[in-house]
Amino acid sequence: MSRFITTLKTEQVGKWTHILLAELVLADEGLGAITVPQGFKTDFASIKMLHNAFLFVLFALVSGYGNYAATVHDFLYSYGQVTRKEADAVLYRALRAEGVARWRAWLMWAGIRIGGAKQYTQTPTSSGFSSSGD
């Protein structure tokens, strides 16, 4: 089972943007240790475009949950160290590790699988995950 090793410590630096004041470490059952470095910027689990009723309802159901998991997921999407599918699987496991209910974690996972492709712009840098960012 995945678990967080450190505590999420952030400072809000914009309307939706937060910056990590210390590294965030997830011991993931699938990929091992994932370290999000101090100074990384995240918007947590925000949905930038609420252009339809489905996304609006989804956002209302998941808003305010999973900040730890969303930070790790943002990091994985930003650096392309794993495939999008792997990053989304980490999101689900991290949500559960954070204590988010299965149904809510599934909704967040499903939402990102449906609408996250535009945010994932990187190509994986290797076949494996490098927690050092190399």
N, C-alpha and C. Protein backbone atom coordinates (compact mmCIF):
# COMPACT_ATOMS: atom_id res chain seq x y z
N MET A 1 0.84 -1.18 0.00
CA MET A 1 0.00 0.00 0.00
C MET A 1 0.89 1.25 0.00
N SER A 2 0.54 2.22 -0.80
CA SER A 2 1.28 3.48 -0.87
C SER A 2 1.06 4.30 0.39
N ARG A 3 2.07 5.13 0.72
CA ARG A 3 1.91 6.02 1.87
C ARG A 3 2.81 7.25 1.71
N PHE A 4 2.38 8.34 2.29
CA PHE A 4 3.18 9.56 2.27
C PHE A 4 4.17 9.53 3.42
N ILE A 5 5.42 9.86 3.13
CA ILE A 5 6.50 9.84 4.11
C ILE A 5 6.64 11.21 4.77
N THR A 6 6.35 12.26 4.02
CA THR A 6 6.48 13.63 4.53
C THR A 6 5.13 14.33 4.50
N THR A 7 5.09 15.49 5.11
CA THR A 7 3.89 16.31 5.18
C THR A 7 3.91 17.38 4.09
N LEU A 8 2.75 17.66 3.52
CA LEU A 8 2.63 18.69 2.50
C LEU A 8 2.72 20.06 3.16
N LYS A 9 3.71 20.85 2.75
CA LYS A 9 3.91 22.20 3.26
C LYS A 9 4.00 23.13 2.07
N THR A 10 3.01 24.04 1.97
CA THR A 10 2.96 24.93 0.82
C THR A 10 2.69 26.36 1.25
N GLU A 11 2.93 27.25 0.31
CA GLU A 11 2.56 28.66 0.46
C GLU A 11 1.83 29.06 -0.81
N GLN A 12 0.71 29.76 -0.66
CA GLN A 12 -0.04 30.21 -1.82
C GLN A 12 0.67 31.42 -2.41
N VAL A 13 0.97 31.33 -3.72
CA VAL A 13 1.70 32.42 -4.39
C VAL A 13 0.89 33.03 -5.53
N GLY A 14 -0.30 32.54 -5.76
CA GLY A 14 -1.19 33.06 -6.80
C GLY A 14 -2.60 32.61 -6.48
N LYS A 15 -3.55 33.02 -7.31
CA LYS A 15 -4.94 32.66 -7.04
C LYS A 15 -5.12 31.15 -6.90
N TRP A 16 -4.49 30.38 -7.77
CA TRP A 16 -4.61 28.93 -7.76
C TRP A 16 -3.28 28.22 -7.51
N THR A 17 -2.21 28.97 -7.45
CA THR A 17 -0.87 28.38 -7.40
C THR A 17 -0.30 28.34 -5.99
N HIS A 18 0.30 27.19 -5.66
CA HIS A 18 0.99 26.99 -4.39
C HIS A 18 2.40 26.51 -4.69
N ILE A 19 3.34 26.84 -3.82
CA ILE A 19 4.72 26.40 -3.98
C ILE A 19 5.09 25.54 -2.77
N LEU A 20 5.81 24.45 -3.03
CA LEU A 20 6.22 23.56 -1.94
C LEU A 20 7.36 24.20 -1.14
N LEU A 21 7.18 24.23 0.16
CA LEU A 21 8.19 24.78 1.06
C LEU A 21 9.19 23.71 1.50
N ALA A 22 8.83 22.45 1.32
CA ALA A 22 9.70 21.32 1.63
C ALA A 22 9.32 20.19 0.66
N GLU A 23 10.24 19.27 0.44
CA GLU A 23 9.92 18.19 -0.49
C GLU A 23 8.80 17.32 0.05
N LEU A 24 8.04 16.76 -0.88
CA LEU A 24 6.94 15.84 -0.56
C LEU A 24 7.34 14.47 -1.09
N VAL A 25 7.31 13.46 -0.23
CA VAL A 25 7.73 12.11 -0.62
C VAL A 25 6.58 11.13 -0.47
N LEU A 26 6.32 10.42 -1.56
CA LEU A 26 5.33 9.34 -1.57
C LEU A 26 6.07 8.03 -1.77
N ALA A 27 5.85 7.08 -0.88
CA ALA A 27 6.34 5.71 -1.08
C ALA A 27 5.23 4.98 -1.82
N ASP A 28 5.37 4.90 -3.14
CA ASP A 28 4.32 4.32 -3.99
C ASP A 28 4.56 2.83 -4.17
N GLU A 29 3.50 2.05 -4.04
CA GLU A 29 3.62 0.60 -4.16
C GLU A 29 4.02 0.15 -5.56
N GLY A 30 3.79 0.99 -6.55
CA GLY A 30 4.13 0.62 -7.92
C GLY A 30 5.47 1.15 -8.40
N LEU A 31 5.79 2.38 -8.06
CA LEU A 31 7.00 3.02 -8.59
C LEU A 31 8.10 3.24 -7.56
N GLY A 32 7.83 2.99 -6.30
CA GLY A 32 8.84 3.24 -5.26
C GLY A 32 8.73 4.68 -4.78
N ALA A 33 9.83 5.21 -4.31
CA ALA A 33 9.83 6.57 -3.75
C ALA A 33 9.73 7.61 -4.86
N ILE A 34 8.76 8.51 -4.71
CA ILE A 34 8.59 9.63 -5.62
C ILE A 34 8.77 10.89 -4.78
N THR A 35 9.74 11.70 -5.15
CA THR A 35 10.05 12.91 -4.39
C THR A 35 9.71 14.14 -5.23
N VAL A 36 8.79 14.94 -4.74
CA VAL A 36 8.47 16.22 -5.38
C VAL A 36 9.34 17.26 -4.68
N PRO A 37 10.19 17.97 -5.42
CA PRO A 37 11.18 18.84 -4.79
C PRO A 37 10.59 20.13 -4.21
N GLN A 38 11.27 20.62 -3.21
CA GLN A 38 10.94 21.94 -2.65
C GLN A 38 10.99 22.94 -3.80
N GLY A 39 10.06 23.88 -3.82
CA GLY A 39 10.02 24.89 -4.87
C GLY A 39 9.10 24.54 -6.03
N PHE A 40 8.63 23.30 -6.10
CA PHE A 40 7.72 22.90 -7.17
C PHE A 40 6.40 23.64 -7.02
N LYS A 41 5.85 24.11 -8.14
CA LYS A 41 4.56 24.82 -8.12
C LYS A 41 3.45 23.89 -8.55
N THR A 42 2.33 23.95 -7.83
CA THR A 42 1.17 23.11 -8.10
C THR A 42 -0.11 23.93 -8.00
N ASP A 43 -1.14 23.46 -8.70
CA ASP A 43 -2.47 24.07 -8.55
C ASP A 43 -3.42 23.07 -7.89
N PHE A 44 -2.85 22.04 -7.27
CA PHE A 44 -3.60 20.96 -6.64
C PHE A 44 -4.52 20.32 -7.67
N ALA A 45 -5.76 20.07 -7.33
CA ALA A 45 -6.66 19.35 -8.23
C ALA A 45 -7.63 20.30 -8.93
N SER A 46 -7.12 21.44 -9.37
CA SER A 46 -8.03 22.38 -10.04
C SER A 46 -8.35 21.90 -11.45
N ILE A 47 -9.52 22.25 -11.89
CA ILE A 47 -9.94 21.97 -13.26
C ILE A 47 -10.02 23.33 -13.94
N LYS A 48 -9.12 23.57 -14.88
CA LYS A 48 -9.00 24.89 -15.48
C LYS A 48 -10.20 25.30 -16.33
N MET A 49 -10.83 24.32 -16.96
CA MET A 49 -11.94 24.66 -17.84
C MET A 49 -13.19 23.91 -17.44
N LEU A 50 -14.13 24.61 -16.86
CA LEU A 50 -15.41 24.00 -16.47
C LEU A 50 -16.44 24.34 -17.55
N HIS A 51 -16.19 23.83 -18.76
CA HIS A 51 -17.02 24.20 -19.89
C HIS A 51 -18.25 23.34 -20.09
N ASN A 52 -18.43 22.35 -19.25
CA ASN A 52 -19.67 21.58 -19.40
C ASN A 52 -20.18 21.12 -18.04
N ALA A 53 -21.40 20.70 -18.00
CA ALA A 53 -22.05 20.32 -16.74
C ALA A 53 -21.36 19.14 -16.07
N PHE A 54 -20.89 18.17 -16.86
CA PHE A 54 -20.22 17.01 -16.28
C PHE A 54 -18.99 17.44 -15.48
N LEU A 55 -18.14 18.28 -16.07
CA LEU A 55 -16.94 18.73 -15.36
C LEU A 55 -17.29 19.57 -14.14
N PHE A 56 -18.33 20.37 -14.24
CA PHE A 56 -18.74 21.19 -13.10
C PHE A 56 -19.17 20.31 -11.93
N VAL A 57 -19.97 19.29 -12.20
CA VAL A 57 -20.43 18.38 -11.15
C VAL A 57 -19.25 17.59 -10.58
N LEU A 58 -18.38 17.11 -11.46
CA LEU A 58 -17.20 16.37 -11.01
C LEU A 58 -16.34 17.24 -10.10
N PHE A 59 -16.10 18.47 -10.50
CA PHE A 59 -15.29 19.39 -9.70
C PHE A 59 -15.93 19.61 -8.33
N ALA A 60 -17.24 19.78 -8.30
CA ALA A 60 -17.94 20.00 -7.02
C ALA A 60 -17.78 18.80 -6.09
N LEU A 61 -17.75 17.60 -6.64
CA LEU A 61 -17.63 16.38 -5.82
C LEU A 61 -16.22 16.14 -5.30
N VAL A 62 -15.21 16.65 -6.01
CA VAL A 62 -13.83 16.34 -5.62
C VAL A 62 -13.05 17.55 -5.09
N SER A 63 -13.60 18.73 -5.22
CA SER A 63 -12.90 19.94 -4.80
C SER A 63 -12.52 19.88 -3.33
N GLY A 64 -11.28 20.21 -3.04
CA GLY A 64 -10.82 20.25 -1.66
C GLY A 64 -10.26 18.94 -1.14
N TYR A 65 -10.27 17.91 -1.96
CA TYR A 65 -9.74 16.60 -1.56
C TYR A 65 -8.46 16.31 -2.33
N GLY A 66 -7.55 15.61 -1.70
CA GLY A 66 -6.41 15.06 -2.41
C GLY A 66 -5.29 16.00 -2.77
N ASN A 67 -5.02 17.01 -1.95
CA ASN A 67 -3.95 17.94 -2.29
C ASN A 67 -2.58 17.27 -2.34
N TYR A 68 -2.32 16.34 -1.45
CA TYR A 68 -1.05 15.61 -1.48
C TYR A 68 -0.93 14.87 -2.82
N ALA A 69 -1.95 14.07 -3.12
CA ALA A 69 -1.95 13.26 -4.33
C ALA A 69 -1.88 14.12 -5.59
N ALA A 70 -2.62 15.20 -5.60
CA ALA A 70 -2.63 16.08 -6.77
C ALA A 70 -1.26 16.72 -7.00
N THR A 71 -0.54 17.01 -5.92
CA THR A 71 0.79 17.59 -6.05
C THR A 71 1.74 16.60 -6.71
N VAL A 72 1.70 15.35 -6.26
CA VAL A 72 2.54 14.31 -6.87
C VAL A 72 2.16 14.13 -8.33
N HIS A 73 0.87 14.10 -8.61
CA HIS A 73 0.38 13.93 -9.99
C HIS A 73 0.82 15.09 -10.88
N ASP A 74 0.70 16.32 -10.38
CA ASP A 74 1.16 17.48 -11.15
C ASP A 74 2.65 17.34 -11.49
N PHE A 75 3.43 16.90 -10.51
CA PHE A 75 4.86 16.70 -10.72
C PHE A 75 5.11 15.66 -11.80
N LEU A 76 4.42 14.53 -11.73
CA LEU A 76 4.62 13.48 -12.73
C LEU A 76 4.21 13.95 -14.12
N TYR A 77 3.13 14.70 -14.22
CA TYR A 77 2.70 15.23 -15.51
C TYR A 77 3.69 16.27 -16.04
N SER A 78 4.28 17.04 -15.15
CA SER A 78 5.18 18.12 -15.56
C SER A 78 6.50 17.62 -16.13
N TYR A 79 6.99 16.51 -15.61
CA TYR A 79 8.33 16.06 -16.00
C TYR A 79 8.35 14.83 -16.88
N GLY A 80 7.22 14.20 -17.11
CA GLY A 80 7.15 13.10 -18.06
C GLY A 80 8.06 11.93 -17.77
N GLN A 81 8.33 11.66 -16.50
CA GLN A 81 9.21 10.55 -16.14
C GLN A 81 8.51 9.20 -16.24
N VAL A 82 7.21 9.22 -16.27
CA VAL A 82 6.41 8.01 -16.43
C VAL A 82 5.34 8.30 -17.47
N THR A 83 4.70 7.26 -17.97
CA THR A 83 3.63 7.48 -18.94
C THR A 83 2.44 8.14 -18.24
N ARG A 84 1.56 8.69 -19.03
CA ARG A 84 0.35 9.31 -18.49
C ARG A 84 -0.48 8.28 -17.72
N LYS A 85 -0.61 7.09 -18.26
CA LYS A 85 -1.38 6.04 -17.60
C LYS A 85 -0.79 5.70 -16.24
N GLU A 86 0.55 5.61 -16.16
CA GLU A 86 1.22 5.33 -14.89
C GLU A 86 1.01 6.47 -13.90
N ALA A 87 1.12 7.71 -14.38
CA ALA A 87 0.93 8.88 -13.51
C ALA A 87 -0.49 8.89 -12.94
N ASP A 88 -1.47 8.54 -13.76
CA ASP A 88 -2.85 8.52 -13.31
C ASP A 88 -3.09 7.40 -12.29
N ALA A 89 -2.41 6.27 -12.48
CA ALA A 89 -2.51 5.17 -11.51
C ALA A 89 -1.91 5.60 -10.17
N VAL A 90 -0.79 6.33 -10.22
CA VAL A 90 -0.18 6.85 -8.99
C VAL A 90 -1.16 7.79 -8.29
N LEU A 91 -1.86 8.62 -9.07
CA LEU A 91 -2.85 9.53 -8.48
C LEU A 91 -3.86 8.74 -7.65
N TYR A 92 -4.41 7.69 -8.22
CA TYR A 92 -5.42 6.90 -7.48
C TYR A 92 -4.82 6.31 -6.20
N ARG A 93 -3.64 5.70 -6.31
CA ARG A 93 -3.01 5.10 -5.12
C ARG A 93 -2.68 6.15 -4.08
N ALA A 94 -2.23 7.31 -4.52
CA ALA A 94 -1.89 8.39 -3.58
C ALA A 94 -3.15 8.95 -2.91
N LEU A 95 -4.23 9.05 -3.64
CA LEU A 95 -5.49 9.50 -3.05
C LEU A 95 -5.93 8.55 -1.94
N ARG A 96 -5.83 7.26 -2.21
CA ARG A 96 -6.19 6.27 -1.19
C ARG A 96 -5.25 6.35 0.00
N ALA A 97 -3.94 6.58 -0.26
CA ALA A 97 -2.97 6.71 0.82
C ALA A 97 -3.28 7.94 1.68
N GLU A 98 -3.84 8.95 1.06
CA GLU A 98 -4.20 10.18 1.76
C GLU A 98 -5.50 10.03 2.55
N GLY A 99 -6.23 8.94 2.31
CA GLY A 99 -7.47 8.70 3.04
C GLY A 99 -8.73 9.11 2.31
N VAL A 100 -8.60 9.43 1.02
CA VAL A 100 -9.77 9.80 0.22
C VAL A 100 -10.58 8.53 -0.04
N ALA A 101 -11.90 8.63 0.10
CA ALA A 101 -12.80 7.50 -0.11
C ALA A 101 -12.62 6.91 -1.51
N ARG A 102 -12.82 5.60 -1.63
CA ARG A 102 -12.64 4.91 -2.91
C ARG A 102 -13.47 5.55 -4.03
N TRP A 103 -14.74 5.85 -3.74
CA TRP A 103 -15.61 6.39 -4.78
C TRP A 103 -15.12 7.76 -5.25
N ARG A 104 -14.64 8.58 -4.30
CA ARG A 104 -14.16 9.91 -4.67
C ARG A 104 -12.82 9.79 -5.41
N ALA A 105 -11.95 8.88 -4.95
CA ALA A 105 -10.67 8.66 -5.63
C ALA A 105 -10.92 8.16 -7.06
N TRP A 106 -11.91 7.27 -7.22
CA TRP A 106 -12.23 6.77 -8.55
C TRP A 106 -12.74 7.90 -9.45
N LEU A 107 -13.60 8.78 -8.91
CA LEU A 107 -14.11 9.91 -9.70
C LEU A 107 -12.96 10.82 -10.15
N MET A 108 -12.03 11.08 -9.24
CA MET A 108 -10.89 11.93 -9.60
C MET A 108 -10.03 11.25 -10.67
N TRP A 109 -9.79 9.95 -10.49
CA TRP A 109 -9.02 9.19 -11.47
C TRP A 109 -9.74 9.21 -12.83
N ALA A 110 -11.04 8.93 -12.83
CA ALA A 110 -11.80 8.91 -14.08
C ALA A 110 -11.78 10.28 -14.75
N GLY A 111 -11.92 11.34 -13.97
CA GLY A 111 -11.90 12.69 -14.52
C GLY A 111 -10.58 13.01 -15.20
N ILE A 112 -9.49 12.61 -14.57
CA ILE A 112 -8.18 12.90 -15.17
C ILE A 112 -7.92 12.02 -16.38
N ARG A 113 -8.43 10.80 -16.37
CA ARG A 113 -8.27 9.94 -17.55
C ARG A 113 -9.06 10.51 -18.73
N ILE A 114 -10.24 11.08 -18.46
CA ILE A 114 -11.07 11.64 -19.52
C ILE A 114 -10.52 12.98 -20.02
N GLY A 115 -10.13 13.85 -19.09
CA GLY A 115 -9.78 15.21 -19.48
C GLY A 115 -8.34 15.64 -19.28
N GLY A 116 -7.46 14.74 -18.91
CA GLY A 116 -6.09 15.14 -18.58
C GLY A 116 -5.09 15.14 -19.71
N ALA A 117 -5.45 14.64 -20.87
CA ALA A 117 -4.48 14.48 -21.96
C ALA A 117 -3.82 15.80 -22.36
N LYS A 118 -4.57 16.89 -22.37
CA LYS A 118 -4.00 18.18 -22.77
C LYS A 118 -2.96 18.69 -21.78
N GLN A 119 -3.08 18.28 -20.53
CA GLN A 119 -2.14 18.72 -19.51
C GLN A 119 -0.85 17.91 -19.55
N TYR A 120 -0.93 16.68 -20.04
CA TYR A 120 0.25 15.82 -20.11
C TYR A 120 0.92 16.08 -21.44
N THR A 121 1.98 16.88 -21.42
CA THR A 121 2.63 17.28 -22.67
C THR A 121 4.01 16.69 -22.83
N GLN A 122 4.49 15.99 -21.83
CA GLN A 122 5.85 15.45 -21.87
C GLN A 122 5.85 14.02 -22.38
N THR A 123 6.96 13.61 -22.91
CA THR A 123 7.20 12.23 -23.29
C THR A 123 8.07 11.61 -22.20
N PRO A 124 7.75 10.41 -21.77
CA PRO A 124 8.58 9.78 -20.73
C PRO A 124 10.05 9.79 -21.14
N THR A 125 10.93 10.10 -20.18
CA THR A 125 12.35 10.22 -20.46
C THR A 125 13.06 8.88 -20.44
N SER A 126 12.45 7.88 -19.85
CA SER A 126 13.06 6.55 -19.80
C SER A 126 11.97 5.54 -19.51
N SER A 127 12.32 4.28 -19.57
CA SER A 127 11.32 3.26 -19.30
C SER A 127 11.02 3.13 -17.81
N GLY A 128 11.91 3.65 -16.98
CA GLY A 128 11.71 3.56 -15.54
C GLY A 128 11.56 4.92 -14.93
N PHE A 129 11.21 4.94 -13.66
CA PHE A 129 11.03 6.19 -12.94
C PHE A 129 12.30 6.53 -12.19
N SER A 130 12.72 7.78 -12.29
CA SER A 130 13.90 8.23 -11.56
C SER A 130 13.46 9.27 -10.57
N SER A 131 13.53 8.94 -9.29
CA SER A 131 13.07 9.88 -8.27
C SER A 131 13.98 11.08 -8.14
N SER A 132 15.17 11.03 -8.73
CA SER A 132 16.09 12.17 -8.66
C SER A 132 15.81 13.17 -9.77
N GLY A 133 14.95 12.81 -10.72
CA GLY A 133 14.61 13.71 -11.80
C GLY A 133 15.54 13.62 -12.98
N ASP A 134 16.50 12.70 -12.94
CA ASP A 134 17.46 12.55 -14.04
C ASP A 134 16.88 11.82 -15.22
